[in-house]
Amino acid sequence: MNCVTAAELNNLGALHLQGGHLRTSLDLFRDALSLTLLDLEAEQRSSCCNDISDESRTASPQTSDEVAACSASPNQAASASSCTEEADCLQPSPSSTAFVQSQAINVIPLPNAYSHDPLVNMTIVSSIVLFNLGIVYHLKGLEGTNESSSYLVKSCSLYQKSQVLLADSGVPLNCTGNPVIDILSMAINNNLAQVFFELSMYDDSRQHFEQLIAFAVTVVPARYGDLAIGNLIDEQKSKFLLNAMILHAPKLAPAA
């Protein structure tokens, strides 16, 4: 499994991003993504082989333990990880750019950090790394150069791919109780809304702000089982909602 190595590369990229080393962080995130995609392909092949093998046997009922193991959802995951690891993944950067989730999200280097299903876990890890790659291009797009627009478009594409993977993993459109996944869900919509706003695509921006608001109102600090983590999630949620209130572009009335 490349999961641990990918997590280390991602987290090193997050450290370099916080230090403003965009080129280095970009290379590290790309390397991390390559490893997660290799694991995803391997898990998908394994899943297909298991399906074929199961179909060739006489069907037998699953025990309750087997059902629980197969249906393990992301909000049940991360039980093996400590609250310290989760807090490290979520700590806000003091140098964060206004209105943009500009701190990369760390990956917990455990094979079942986000789900007991290896395929689901690697899908979520890939989503995190894609989001982090999107941040790099987003920040490059805010530098005001001739290529700013193309960087913003690239960041938008990466955020969208991250969101698709997160949806494919079965993560619901409301609070899961997993702090990393919930921050990621809100941050994707926040940054997508921000990019669309910067590209003057106000309808798309509004749509993602509305999705952000709909998710954020389901987030309750008590669900996270740790006061410090719950307060941190609530603080980040408040920042996202403030951003939505400020930049939620009004619908323009048609010209007479």
C-alpha atoms as a PDB file:
ATOM      1  CA  MET A   1       0.000   0.000   0.000  1.00  0.00           C
ATOM      2  CA  ASN A   2       1.201   3.482  -0.910  1.00  0.00           C
ATOM      3  CA  CYS A   3      -1.173   5.132   1.566  1.00  0.00           C
ATOM      4  CA  VAL A   4       1.427   6.003   4.208  1.00  0.00           C
ATOM      5  CA  THR A   5       3.967   7.337   1.691  1.00  0.00           C
ATOM      6  CA  ALA A   6       1.273   9.374  -0.062  1.00  0.00           C
ATOM      7  CA  ALA A   7       0.205  10.835   3.286  1.00  0.00           C
ATOM      8  CA  GLU A   8       3.790  11.788   4.116  1.00  0.00           C
ATOM      9  CA  LEU A   9       4.262  13.476   0.723  1.00  0.00           C
ATOM     10  CA  ASN A  10       0.937  15.293   1.047  1.00  0.00           C
ATOM     11  CA  ASN A  11       1.698  16.499   4.556  1.00  0.00           C
ATOM     12  CA  LEU A  12       5.164  17.659   3.536  1.00  0.00           C
ATOM     13  CA  GLY A  13       3.532  19.515   0.651  1.00  0.00           C
ATOM     14  CA  ALA A  14       1.144  21.146   3.132  1.00  0.00           C
ATOM     15  CA  LEU A  15       4.117  22.310   5.199  1.00  0.00           C
ATOM     16  CA  HIS A  16       5.819  23.829   2.153  1.00  0.00           C
ATOM     17  CA  LEU A  17       2.562  25.470   1.080  1.00  0.00           C
ATOM     18  CA  GLN A  18       2.250  27.103   4.487  1.00  0.00           C
ATOM     19  CA  GLY A  19       5.792  28.416   4.017  1.00  0.00           C
ATOM     20  CA  GLY A  20       4.884  29.896   0.632  1.00  0.00           C
ATOM     21  CA  HIS A  21       6.907  27.410  -1.434  1.00  0.00           C
ATOM     22  CA  LEU A  22       4.277  26.847  -4.128  1.00  0.00           C
ATOM     23  CA  ARG A  23       6.526  25.062  -6.640  1.00  0.00           C
ATOM     24  CA  THR A  24       7.777  22.538  -4.086  1.00  0.00           C
ATOM     25  CA  SER A  25       4.325  21.918  -2.648  1.00  0.00           C
ATOM     26  CA  LEU A  26       2.929  21.412  -6.164  1.00  0.00           C
ATOM     27  CA  ASP A  27       5.519  18.706  -6.918  1.00  0.00           C
ATOM     28  CA  LEU A  28       4.888  16.956  -3.597  1.00  0.00           C
ATOM     29  CA  PHE A  29       1.106  16.972  -4.042  1.00  0.00           C
ATOM     30  CA  ARG A  30       1.500  15.589  -7.570  1.00  0.00           C
ATOM     31  CA  ASP A  31       3.706  12.765  -6.297  1.00  0.00           C
ATOM     32  CA  ALA A  32       1.203  12.015  -3.531  1.00  0.00           C
ATOM     33  CA  LEU A  33      -1.654  11.949  -6.037  1.00  0.00           C
ATOM     34  CA  SER A  34       0.235   9.522  -8.295  1.00  0.00           C
ATOM     35  CA  LEU A  35       0.562   7.089  -5.388  1.00  0.00           C
ATOM     36  CA  THR A  36      -3.068   7.383  -4.316  1.00  0.00           C
ATOM     37  CA  LEU A  37      -4.210   6.751  -7.884  1.00  0.00           C
ATOM     38  CA  LEU A  38      -2.046   3.621  -8.062  1.00  0.00           C
ATOM     39  CA  ASP A  39      -3.668   2.363  -4.874  1.00  0.00           C
ATOM     40  CA  LEU A  40      -7.113   3.255  -6.192  1.00  0.00           C
ATOM     41  CA  GLU A  41      -6.511   1.223  -9.344  1.00  0.00           C
ATOM     42  CA  ALA A  42      -5.255  -1.716  -7.283  1.00  0.00           C
ATOM     43  CA  GLU A  43      -8.245  -1.571  -4.935  1.00  0.00           C
ATOM     44  CA  GLN A  44     -10.669  -1.351  -7.858  1.00  0.00           C
ATOM     45  CA  ARG A  45      -9.108  -4.419  -9.496  1.00  0.00           C
ATOM     46  CA  SER A  46      -9.269  -6.271  -6.192  1.00  0.00           C
ATOM     47  CA  SER A  47     -12.898  -5.271  -5.729  1.00  0.00           C
ATOM     48  CA  CYS A  48     -13.785  -6.505  -9.228  1.00  0.00           C
ATOM     49  CA  CYS A  49     -12.030  -9.824  -8.611  1.00  0.00           C
ATOM     50  CA  ASN A  50     -13.875 -10.252  -5.328  1.00  0.00           C
ATOM     51  CA  ASP A  51     -17.192  -9.550  -7.022  1.00  0.00           C
ATOM     52  CA  ILE A  52     -16.494 -12.183  -9.691  1.00  0.00           C
ATOM     53  CA  SER A  53     -15.390 -14.667  -7.055  1.00  0.00           C
ATOM     54  CA  ASP A  54     -18.500 -14.037  -4.969  1.00  0.00           C
ATOM     55  CA  GLU A  55     -20.768 -14.554  -7.956  1.00  0.00           C
ATOM     56  CA  SER A  56     -19.144 -17.915  -8.717  1.00  0.00           C
ATOM     57  CA  ARG A  57     -19.965 -19.242  -5.240  1.00  0.00           C
ATOM     58  CA  THR A  58     -23.292 -20.247  -3.738  1.00  0.00           C
ATOM     59  CA  ALA A  59     -24.737 -17.200  -2.081  1.00  0.00           C
ATOM     60  CA  SER A  60     -24.717 -17.324   1.698  1.00  0.00           C
ATOM     61  CA  PRO A  61     -26.140 -14.762   4.146  1.00  0.00           C
ATOM     62  CA  GLN A  62     -23.739 -12.331   5.757  1.00  0.00           C
ATOM     63  CA  THR A  63     -23.343 -12.200   9.495  1.00  0.00           C
ATOM     64  CA  SER A  64     -24.133  -8.955  11.233  1.00  0.00           C
ATOM     65  CA  ASP A  65     -20.386  -8.386  11.727  1.00  0.00           C
ATOM     66  CA  GLU A  66     -19.735  -8.824   8.006  1.00  0.00           C
ATOM     67  CA  VAL A  67     -22.526  -6.422   7.129  1.00  0.00           C
ATOM     68  CA  ALA A  68     -21.148  -3.840   9.544  1.00  0.00           C
ATOM     69  CA  ALA A  69     -17.662  -4.200   8.072  1.00  0.00           C
ATOM     70  CA  CYS A  70     -18.877  -3.821   4.478  1.00  0.00           C
ATOM     71  CA  SER A  71     -21.106  -0.839   5.239  1.00  0.00           C
ATOM     72  CA  ALA A  72     -18.617   1.094   7.326  1.00  0.00           C
ATOM     73  CA  SER A  73     -19.118   4.743   6.463  1.00  0.00           C
ATOM     74  CA  PRO A  74     -16.683   7.671   6.657  1.00  0.00           C
ATOM     75  CA  ASN A  75     -18.349   9.090   9.762  1.00  0.00           C
ATOM     76  CA  GLN A  76     -17.527   5.847  11.596  1.00  0.00           C
ATOM     77  CA  ALA A  77     -13.918   5.978  10.462  1.00  0.00           C
ATOM     78  CA  ALA A  78     -10.894   7.597  12.076  1.00  0.00           C
ATOM     79  CA  SER A  79     -11.706   5.777  15.298  1.00  0.00           C
ATOM     80  CA  ALA A  80      -8.181   4.366  15.185  1.00  0.00           C
ATOM     81  CA  SER A  81      -6.666   7.813  14.922  1.00  0.00           C
ATOM     82  CA  SER A  82      -6.092  10.093  17.877  1.00  0.00           C
ATOM     83  CA  CYS A  83      -7.728  13.449  18.450  1.00  0.00           C
ATOM     84  CA  THR A  84      -4.270  14.985  18.189  1.00  0.00           C
ATOM     85  CA  GLU A  85      -3.845  13.688  14.625  1.00  0.00           C
ATOM     86  CA  GLU A  86      -7.229  15.075  13.624  1.00  0.00           C
ATOM     87  CA  ALA A  87      -6.487  18.441  15.188  1.00  0.00           C
ATOM     88  CA  ASP A  88      -3.171  18.572  13.324  1.00  0.00           C
ATOM     89  CA  CYS A  89      -5.058  18.029  10.066  1.00  0.00           C
ATOM     90  CA  LEU A  90      -7.365  20.950  10.786  1.00  0.00           C
ATOM     91  CA  GLN A  91      -5.223  23.655  12.356  1.00  0.00           C
ATOM     92  CA  PRO A  92      -5.802  26.943  10.498  1.00  0.00           C
ATOM     93  CA  SER A  93      -2.809  28.766   9.091  1.00  0.00           C
ATOM     94  CA  PRO A  94      -2.254  32.284  10.466  1.00  0.00           C
ATOM     95  CA  SER A  95      -1.238  33.376   6.964  1.00  0.00           C
ATOM     96  CA  SER A  96      -4.426  32.185   5.282  1.00  0.00           C
ATOM     97  CA  THR A  97      -5.581  34.317   2.369  1.00  0.00           C
ATOM     98  CA  ALA A  98      -8.874  36.068   3.137  1.00  0.00           C
ATOM     99  CA  PHE A  99     -11.960  34.150   1.984  1.00  0.00           C
ATOM    100  CA  VAL A 100      -9.943  31.198   0.634  1.00  0.00           C
ATOM    101  CA  GLN A 101      -9.219  27.959   2.474  1.00  0.00           C
ATOM    102  CA  SER A 102      -5.534  28.343   1.706  1.00  0.00           C
ATOM    103  CA  GLN A 103      -4.148  25.859   4.199  1.00  0.00           C
ATOM    104  CA  ALA A 104      -3.736  22.387   2.745  1.00  0.00           C
ATOM    105  CA  ILE A 105      -5.440  19.533   4.557  1.00  0.00           C
ATOM    106  CA  ASN A 106      -3.127  16.938   6.083  1.00  0.00           C
ATOM    107  CA  VAL A 107      -3.804  13.238   5.548  1.00  0.00           C
ATOM    108  CA  ILE A 108      -3.847  10.882   8.534  1.00  0.00           C
ATOM    109  CA  PRO A 109      -1.294   8.178   7.578  1.00  0.00           C
ATOM    110  CA  LEU A 110      -3.453   5.177   8.451  1.00  0.00           C
ATOM    111  CA  PRO A 111      -5.038   2.717   5.999  1.00  0.00           C
ATOM    112  CA  ASN A 112      -8.456   3.063   7.687  1.00  0.00           C
ATOM    113  CA  ALA A 113      -8.306   6.737   8.691  1.00  0.00           C
ATOM    114  CA  TYR A 114     -11.527   7.702   6.886  1.00  0.00           C
ATOM    115  CA  SER A 115     -13.212   4.362   6.187  1.00  0.00           C
ATOM    116  CA  HIS A 116     -12.727   0.690   6.941  1.00  0.00           C
ATOM    117  CA  ASP A 117     -13.257   0.042   3.231  1.00  0.00           C
ATOM    118  CA  PRO A 118      -9.793   0.435   1.571  1.00  0.00           C
ATOM    119  CA  LEU A 119     -11.299   1.643  -1.704  1.00  0.00           C
ATOM    120  CA  VAL A 120     -13.407   4.297   0.028  1.00  0.00           C
ATOM    121  CA  ASN A 121     -10.465   5.352   2.184  1.00  0.00           C
ATOM    122  CA  MET A 122      -8.145   5.838  -0.803  1.00  0.00           C
ATOM    123  CA  THR A 123     -10.872   7.688  -2.698  1.00  0.00           C
ATOM    124  CA  ILE A 124     -11.177  10.184   0.157  1.00  0.00           C
ATOM    125  CA  VAL A 125      -7.385  10.540   0.412  1.00  0.00           C
ATOM    126  CA  SER A 126      -7.243  11.237  -3.340  1.00  0.00           C
ATOM    127  CA  SER A 127      -9.975  13.838  -2.913  1.00  0.00           C
ATOM    128  CA  ILE A 128      -7.925  15.580  -0.204  1.00  0.00           C
ATOM    129  CA  VAL A 129      -4.774  15.639  -2.346  1.00  0.00           C
ATOM    130  CA  LEU A 130      -6.693  16.977  -5.366  1.00  0.00           C
ATOM    131  CA  PHE A 131      -8.130  19.731  -3.184  1.00  0.00           C
ATOM    132  CA  ASN A 132      -4.641  20.643  -2.001  1.00  0.00           C
ATOM    133  CA  LEU A 133      -3.428  20.810  -5.606  1.00  0.00           C
ATOM    134  CA  GLY A 134      -6.354  23.123  -6.321  1.00  0.00           C
ATOM    135  CA  ILE A 135      -5.197  25.460  -3.540  1.00  0.00           C
ATOM    136  CA  VAL A 136      -1.757  25.829  -5.154  1.00  0.00           C
ATOM    137  CA  TYR A 137      -3.246  26.883  -8.493  1.00  0.00           C
ATOM    138  CA  HIS A 138      -5.815  29.080  -6.724  1.00  0.00           C
ATOM    139  CA  LEU A 139      -3.081  30.986  -4.921  1.00  0.00           C
ATOM    140  CA  LYS A 140      -1.125  31.332  -8.162  1.00  0.00           C
ATOM    141  CA  GLY A 141      -4.278  32.743  -9.743  1.00  0.00           C
ATOM    142  CA  LEU A 142      -4.481  35.422  -7.070  1.00  0.00           C
ATOM    143  CA  GLU A 143      -1.020  36.771  -7.890  1.00  0.00           C
ATOM    144  CA  GLY A 144      -2.414  39.064 -10.590  1.00  0.00           C
ATOM    145  CA  THR A 145      -0.191  37.901 -13.465  1.00  0.00           C
ATOM    146  CA  ASN A 146      -1.154  37.442 -17.129  1.00  0.00           C
ATOM    147  CA  GLU A 147      -1.740  33.755 -16.419  1.00  0.00           C
ATOM    148  CA  SER A 148      -3.992  34.327 -13.407  1.00  0.00           C
ATOM    149  CA  SER A 149      -7.168  33.401 -15.244  1.00  0.00           C
ATOM    150  CA  SER A 150      -5.753  30.099 -16.509  1.00  0.00           C
ATOM    151  CA  TYR A 151      -4.528  29.240 -13.002  1.00  0.00           C
ATOM    152  CA  LEU A 152      -7.983  29.928 -11.585  1.00  0.00           C
ATOM    153  CA  VAL A 153      -9.605  27.727 -14.227  1.00  0.00           C
ATOM    154  CA  LYS A 154      -7.142  24.945 -13.386  1.00  0.00           C
ATOM    155  CA  SER A 155      -7.868  25.265  -9.672  1.00  0.00           C
ATOM    156  CA  CYS A 156     -11.595  25.120 -10.408  1.00  0.00           C
ATOM    157  CA  SER A 157     -11.124  21.873 -12.340  1.00  0.00           C
ATOM    158  CA  LEU A 158      -9.138  20.305  -9.494  1.00  0.00           C
ATOM    159  CA  TYR A 159     -11.695  21.352  -6.865  1.00  0.00           C
ATOM    160  CA  GLN A 160     -14.478  19.862  -8.985  1.00  0.00           C
ATOM    161  CA  LYS A 161     -12.604  16.571  -9.364  1.00  0.00           C
ATOM    162  CA  SER A 162     -12.048  16.524  -5.618  1.00  0.00           C
ATOM    163  CA  GLN A 163     -15.763  17.032  -5.049  1.00  0.00           C
ATOM    164  CA  VAL A 164     -16.685  14.265  -7.502  1.00  0.00           C
ATOM    165  CA  LEU A 165     -14.358  11.790  -5.752  1.00  0.00           C
ATOM    166  CA  LEU A 166     -15.783  12.736  -2.373  1.00  0.00           C
ATOM    167  CA  ALA A 167     -19.302  12.104  -3.680  1.00  0.00           C
ATOM    168  CA  ASP A 168     -18.204   8.813  -5.259  1.00  0.00           C
ATOM    169  CA  SER A 169     -16.914   7.664  -1.876  1.00  0.00           C
ATOM    170  CA  GLY A 170     -20.457   7.892  -0.507  1.00  0.00           C
ATOM    171  CA  VAL A 171     -19.956  10.935   1.712  1.00  0.00           C
ATOM    172  CA  PRO A 172     -23.383  12.519   2.348  1.00  0.00           C
ATOM    173  CA  LEU A 173     -24.258  16.162   1.738  1.00  0.00           C
ATOM    174  CA  ASN A 174     -24.448  16.877   5.459  1.00  0.00           C
ATOM    175  CA  CYS A 175     -22.364  16.557   8.619  1.00  0.00           C
ATOM    176  CA  THR A 176     -20.663  13.149   8.908  1.00  0.00           C
ATOM    177  CA  GLY A 177     -19.079  13.562  12.337  1.00  0.00           C
ATOM    178  CA  ASN A 178     -15.627  13.105  10.792  1.00  0.00           C
ATOM    179  CA  PRO A 179     -13.871  16.467  11.215  1.00  0.00           C
ATOM    180  CA  VAL A 180     -11.492  16.134   8.270  1.00  0.00           C
ATOM    181  CA  ILE A 181     -14.225  15.085   5.834  1.00  0.00           C
ATOM    182  CA  ASP A 182     -16.586  17.825   7.027  1.00  0.00           C
ATOM    183  CA  ILE A 183     -13.935  20.536   6.698  1.00  0.00           C
ATOM    184  CA  LEU A 184     -13.076  19.207   3.238  1.00  0.00           C
ATOM    185  CA  SER A 185     -16.728  19.233   2.156  1.00  0.00           C
ATOM    186  CA  MET A 186     -17.201  22.836   3.252  1.00  0.00           C
ATOM    187  CA  ALA A 187     -13.801  23.989   1.968  1.00  0.00           C
ATOM    188  CA  ILE A 188     -14.407  22.586  -1.525  1.00  0.00           C
ATOM    189  CA  ASN A 189     -17.659  24.517  -1.894  1.00  0.00           C
ATOM    190  CA  ASN A 190     -16.143  27.639  -0.357  1.00  0.00           C
ATOM    191  CA  ASN A 191     -13.161  27.656  -2.701  1.00  0.00           C
ATOM    192  CA  LEU A 192     -15.231  26.736  -5.762  1.00  0.00           C
ATOM    193  CA  ALA A 193     -17.603  29.592  -4.984  1.00  0.00           C
ATOM    194  CA  GLN A 194     -14.620  31.896  -4.531  1.00  0.00           C
ATOM    195  CA  VAL A 195     -12.999  30.867  -7.838  1.00  0.00           C
ATOM    196  CA  PHE A 196     -16.239  31.299  -9.759  1.00  0.00           C
ATOM    197  CA  PHE A 197     -16.690  34.700  -8.128  1.00  0.00           C
ATOM    198  CA  GLU A 198     -13.192  35.725  -9.183  1.00  0.00           C
ATOM    199  CA  LEU A 199     -13.980  34.555 -12.721  1.00  0.00           C
ATOM    200  CA  SER A 200     -17.210  36.635 -12.658  1.00  0.00           C
ATOM    201  CA  MET A 201     -19.299  33.458 -12.986  1.00  0.00           C
ATOM    202  CA  TYR A 202     -21.752  34.584 -10.357  1.00  0.00           C
ATOM    203  CA  ASP A 203     -24.485  31.992 -10.885  1.00  0.00           C
ATOM    204  CA  ASP A 204     -22.005  29.163 -10.361  1.00  0.00           C
ATOM    205  CA  SER A 205     -20.534  30.993  -7.380  1.00  0.00           C
ATOM    206  CA  ARG A 206     -23.966  31.398  -5.815  1.00  0.00           C
ATOM    207  CA  GLN A 207     -24.758  27.714  -6.349  1.00  0.00           C
ATOM    208  CA  HIS A 208     -21.705  26.581  -4.404  1.00  0.00           C
ATOM    209  CA  PHE A 209     -22.256  29.117  -1.642  1.00  0.00           C
ATOM    210  CA  GLU A 210     -25.776  27.732  -1.273  1.00  0.00           C
ATOM    211  CA  GLN A 211     -24.391  24.194  -1.075  1.00  0.00           C
ATOM    212  CA  LEU A 212     -21.887  25.400   1.514  1.00  0.00           C
ATOM    213  CA  ILE A 213     -24.624  26.988   3.630  1.00  0.00           C
ATOM    214  CA  ALA A 214     -26.840  23.896   3.376  1.00  0.00           C
ATOM    215  CA  PHE A 215     -23.971  21.719   4.629  1.00  0.00           C
ATOM    216  CA  ALA A 216     -22.754  24.130   7.296  1.00  0.00           C
ATOM    217  CA  VAL A 217     -26.113  24.403   9.050  1.00  0.00           C
ATOM    218  CA  THR A 218     -25.959  20.636   9.751  1.00  0.00           C
ATOM    219  CA  VAL A 219     -22.552  20.901  11.451  1.00  0.00           C
ATOM    220  CA  VAL A 220     -22.877  20.606  15.237  1.00  0.00           C
ATOM    221  CA  PRO A 221     -19.673  20.743  17.341  1.00  0.00           C
ATOM    222  CA  ALA A 222     -20.980  18.149  19.810  1.00  0.00           C
ATOM    223  CA  ARG A 223     -20.965  15.487  17.090  1.00  0.00           C
ATOM    224  CA  TYR A 224     -17.168  15.313  17.020  1.00  0.00           C
ATOM    225  CA  GLY A 225     -16.743  13.873  20.502  1.00  0.00           C
ATOM    226  CA  ASP A 226     -13.939  16.265  21.442  1.00  0.00           C
ATOM    227  CA  LEU A 227     -14.442  19.828  22.654  1.00  0.00           C
ATOM    228  CA  ALA A 228     -11.293  21.256  21.031  1.00  0.00           C
ATOM    229  CA  ILE A 229     -12.017  19.690  17.645  1.00  0.00           C
ATOM    230  CA  GLY A 230     -15.684  20.679  17.836  1.00  0.00           C
ATOM    231  CA  ASN A 231     -14.747  24.293  18.576  1.00  0.00           C
ATOM    232  CA  LEU A 232     -12.218  24.310  15.731  1.00  0.00           C
ATOM    233  CA  ILE A 233     -14.800  22.990  13.268  1.00  0.00           C
ATOM    234  CA  ASP A 234     -17.297  25.594  14.479  1.00  0.00           C
ATOM    235  CA  GLU A 235     -14.712  28.365  14.007  1.00  0.00           C
ATOM    236  CA  GLN A 236     -13.963  27.250  10.448  1.00  0.00           C
ATOM    237  CA  LYS A 237     -17.680  26.938   9.715  1.00  0.00           C
ATOM    238  CA  SER A 238     -18.228  30.507  10.888  1.00  0.00           C
ATOM    239  CA  LYS A 239     -15.499  31.762   8.533  1.00  0.00           C
ATOM    240  CA  PHE A 240     -17.037  29.933   5.595  1.00  0.00           C
ATOM    241  CA  LEU A 241     -20.503  31.292   6.385  1.00  0.00           C
ATOM    242  CA  LEU A 242     -19.150  34.843   6.741  1.00  0.00           C
ATOM    243  CA  ASN A 243     -17.509  34.458   3.340  1.00  0.00           C
ATOM    244  CA  ALA A 244     -20.800  33.263   1.874  1.00  0.00           C
ATOM    245  CA  MET A 245     -22.636  36.262   3.357  1.00  0.00           C
ATOM    246  CA  ILE A 246     -20.084  38.737   1.954  1.00  0.00           C
ATOM    247  CA  LEU A 247     -19.587  37.270  -1.508  1.00  0.00           C
ATOM    248  CA  HIS A 248     -22.969  35.666  -2.174  1.00  0.00           C
ATOM    249  CA  ALA A 249     -23.553  37.669  -5.359  1.00  0.00           C
ATOM    250  CA  PRO A 250     -27.143  38.896  -5.755  1.00  0.00           C
ATOM    251  CA  LYS A 251     -29.059  37.924  -8.863  1.00  0.00           C
ATOM    252  CA  LEU A 252     -28.948  40.774 -11.317  1.00  0.00           C
ATOM    253  CA  ALA A 253     -32.270  41.938 -12.677  1.00  0.00           C
ATOM    254  CA  PRO A 254     -32.546  41.778 -16.500  1.00  0.00           C
ATOM    255  CA  ALA A 255     -32.031  45.051 -18.307  1.00  0.00           C
ATOM    256  CA  ALA A 256     -35.220  46.855 -19.200  1.00  0.00           C
END
